[in-house]
Amino acid sequence: MKNLFLILIAVFLTSCITSAQEDKKDKKEYKITKTENEWKQQLTPQQFYVLREAGTERAFTSPLNANKKTGTYVCAACKTPLYKSEHKFNSGTGWPSFDRAIKGSVELDIDYKIGYARTELKCNTCGGHLGHSFNDGPRETTGERHCINGVALEFVPKDKTK
């Protein structure tokens, strides 16, 4: 009985060590990394809450939700181009919505923060939380809806893009 107990403890400890090592190994390294304090100095409190703590801004509060100008939406933290205005649509949800991202700019991750799996969208350059992806977008295009926190974006009009 004593040997069985020792074996069970050894198996448990080994599984804990393995899980911790896998978590560190699977953690993505981003091109732009900063300390929490550096991000706090650069971002507004609302931007920090959304981009670095995966928060959500209140619906219908972002002026970008109603923006109809031609241009590019970039990450508010690192200025990476993320979305083009021609892929923006009015979803009626209260957040800027796009049917696709600029190729390679947005990372898809799984988030369980509210008790079930959702597809989280992150900036592929700095790892900033942008919002979530849903499969209820325009059927005539991709069928996707990238529901993005406006505070995570900055808009660059077409005449000011490179």
Protein backbone atom coordinates (compact mmCIF):
# COMPACT_ATOMS: atom_id res chain seq x y z
CA MET A 1 0.00 0.00 0.00
CA LYS A 2 2.86 2.34 0.88
CA ASN A 3 4.55 1.63 -2.49
CA LEU A 4 1.33 2.34 -4.38
CA PHE A 5 1.01 5.67 -2.58
CA LEU A 6 4.60 6.63 -3.48
CA ILE A 7 4.04 5.68 -7.12
CA LEU A 8 0.88 7.80 -7.29
CA ILE A 9 2.72 10.80 -5.82
CA ALA A 10 5.59 10.35 -8.30
CA VAL A 11 3.16 10.19 -11.24
CA PHE A 12 1.32 13.29 -10.01
CA LEU A 13 4.51 15.31 -9.57
CA THR A 14 5.82 14.24 -12.96
CA SER A 15 2.59 15.26 -14.68
CA CYS A 16 2.68 18.68 -12.99
CA ILE A 17 6.24 19.31 -14.10
CA THR A 18 5.49 18.25 -17.66
CA SER A 19 2.43 20.54 -17.91
CA ALA A 20 4.38 23.52 -16.61
CA GLN A 21 7.18 22.91 -19.09
CA GLU A 22 4.72 22.60 -22.00
CA ASP A 23 3.00 25.87 -21.02
CA LYS A 24 6.32 27.74 -21.12
CA LYS A 25 7.35 26.06 -24.37
CA ASP A 26 4.01 26.85 -26.06
CA LYS A 27 4.01 30.52 -25.04
CA LYS A 28 4.49 32.60 -28.18
CA GLU A 29 7.28 35.14 -28.45
CA TYR A 30 6.16 38.35 -30.14
CA LYS A 31 8.27 40.64 -32.28
CA ILE A 32 7.49 43.57 -29.97
CA THR A 33 7.62 42.87 -26.24
CA LYS A 34 7.53 45.35 -23.40
CA THR A 35 7.18 45.21 -19.65
CA GLU A 36 3.81 45.87 -18.06
CA ASN A 37 5.11 49.25 -16.89
CA GLU A 38 6.30 50.20 -20.40
CA TRP A 39 2.86 49.34 -21.83
CA LYS A 40 1.16 51.37 -19.07
CA GLN A 41 3.29 54.39 -19.94
CA GLN A 42 2.51 54.10 -23.67
CA LEU A 43 -1.21 53.24 -23.58
CA THR A 44 -4.24 54.96 -22.08
CA PRO A 45 -5.80 53.09 -19.12
CA GLN A 46 -8.64 51.84 -21.39
CA GLN A 47 -6.20 50.69 -24.08
CA PHE A 48 -4.10 48.88 -21.46
CA TYR A 49 -7.21 47.18 -20.06
CA VAL A 50 -8.27 45.90 -23.49
CA LEU A 51 -4.94 45.23 -25.21
CA ARG A 52 -2.87 43.89 -22.30
CA GLU A 53 -5.54 42.50 -19.91
CA ALA A 54 -7.95 41.16 -22.58
CA GLY A 55 -10.75 43.43 -21.45
CA THR A 56 -13.76 44.57 -23.48
CA GLU A 57 -14.87 48.14 -24.05
CA ARG A 58 -18.57 48.97 -23.75
CA ALA A 59 -20.56 48.52 -26.95
CA PHE A 60 -21.34 51.62 -29.04
CA THR A 61 -18.62 53.72 -27.32
CA SER A 62 -15.95 53.71 -30.05
CA PRO A 63 -16.06 56.43 -32.69
CA LEU A 64 -14.43 53.89 -35.06
CA ASN A 65 -17.65 51.87 -35.05
CA ALA A 66 -19.31 54.48 -37.32
CA ASN A 67 -16.18 55.37 -39.31
CA LYS A 68 -16.80 55.01 -43.06
CA LYS A 69 -13.57 56.57 -44.34
CA THR A 70 -11.13 54.70 -46.59
CA GLY A 71 -7.91 53.61 -44.94
CA THR A 72 -6.28 51.08 -42.67
CA TYR A 73 -6.92 50.15 -39.05
CA VAL A 74 -3.67 49.57 -37.13
CA CYS A 75 -2.90 48.16 -33.69
CA ALA A 76 -3.05 50.99 -31.13
CA ALA A 77 -0.09 49.46 -29.29
CA CYS A 78 2.43 48.74 -32.06
CA LYS A 79 0.94 50.33 -35.21
CA THR A 80 0.86 47.05 -37.17
CA PRO A 81 -1.69 47.27 -40.03
CA LEU A 82 -4.52 44.86 -39.10
CA TYR A 83 -7.67 45.60 -41.12
CA LYS A 84 -8.56 47.42 -44.33
CA SER A 85 -11.62 49.67 -44.45
CA GLU A 86 -13.08 47.75 -47.41
CA HIS A 87 -13.48 44.70 -45.15
CA LYS A 88 -15.38 46.62 -42.46
CA PHE A 89 -19.13 46.19 -42.17
CA ASN A 90 -21.93 47.26 -39.84
CA SER A 91 -22.71 44.20 -37.73
CA GLY A 92 -25.07 46.08 -35.42
CA THR A 93 -23.19 44.75 -32.38
CA GLY A 94 -21.69 48.06 -31.29
CA TRP A 95 -18.07 47.21 -32.08
CA PRO A 96 -16.11 47.73 -35.29
CA SER A 97 -16.50 44.53 -37.33
CA PHE A 98 -14.49 43.15 -40.22
CA ASP A 99 -14.92 40.04 -42.35
CA ARG A 100 -11.15 39.40 -42.53
CA ALA A 101 -7.80 40.68 -41.34
CA ILE A 102 -4.77 41.66 -43.38
CA LYS A 103 -3.00 38.36 -44.05
CA GLY A 104 -0.55 37.40 -41.30
CA SER A 105 -1.39 40.33 -39.02
CA VAL A 106 -3.85 38.71 -36.61
CA GLU A 107 -3.31 35.60 -34.49
CA LEU A 108 -6.21 33.33 -33.59
CA ASP A 109 -6.16 31.86 -30.09
CA ILE A 110 -8.70 30.07 -27.91
CA ASP A 111 -9.98 31.80 -24.81
CA TYR A 112 -12.10 30.23 -22.04
CA LYS A 113 -12.47 33.38 -19.92
CA ILE A 114 -16.28 33.25 -19.84
CA GLY A 115 -16.61 29.51 -19.36
CA TYR A 116 -16.64 28.26 -22.95
CA ALA A 117 -14.27 28.36 -25.92
CA ARG A 118 -14.17 31.48 -28.09
CA THR A 119 -11.76 32.44 -30.85
CA GLU A 120 -9.69 35.31 -29.50
CA LEU A 121 -7.98 37.68 -31.94
CA LYS A 122 -4.55 39.09 -31.07
CA CYS A 123 -2.10 41.35 -32.84
CA ASN A 124 0.50 39.03 -34.33
CA THR A 125 3.27 41.59 -33.68
CA CYS A 126 2.76 42.53 -30.01
CA GLY A 127 0.17 40.01 -28.77
CA GLY A 128 -2.36 42.71 -27.88
CA HIS A 129 -5.94 41.48 -27.41
CA LEU A 130 -8.17 42.85 -30.16
CA GLY A 131 -11.48 41.03 -29.77
CA HIS A 132 -13.10 37.79 -30.93
CA SER A 133 -14.08 36.03 -34.15
CA PHE A 134 -17.54 34.63 -34.85
CA ASN A 135 -19.04 32.75 -37.79
CA ASP A 136 -22.01 35.08 -38.29
CA GLY A 137 -20.43 37.55 -40.71
CA PRO A 138 -21.48 38.35 -44.28
CA ARG A 139 -22.21 35.13 -46.17
CA GLU A 140 -21.31 36.72 -49.50
CA THR A 141 -17.69 37.21 -48.36
CA THR A 142 -15.97 35.11 -45.67
CA GLY A 143 -18.85 34.46 -43.25
CA GLU A 144 -16.58 35.71 -40.46
CA ARG A 145 -17.13 38.58 -38.07
CA HIS A 146 -14.03 39.92 -36.37
CA CYS A 147 -15.59 41.85 -33.50
CA ILE A 148 -12.86 44.30 -32.49
CA ASN A 149 -12.56 46.69 -29.57
CA GLY A 150 -12.25 50.15 -31.14
CA VAL A 151 -9.83 51.25 -28.43
CA ALA A 152 -7.41 48.55 -29.65
CA LEU A 153 -7.28 50.23 -33.07
CA GLU A 154 -6.15 53.47 -34.65
CA PHE A 155 -7.39 54.54 -38.05
CA VAL A 156 -4.95 55.75 -40.70
CA PRO A 157 -6.72 57.48 -43.64
CA LYS A 158 -5.76 56.28 -47.13
CA ASP A 159 -3.93 59.47 -48.04
CA LYS A 160 -1.63 59.01 -45.01
CA THR A 161 -0.76 55.33 -45.56
CA LYS A 162 2.51 54.30 -47.13
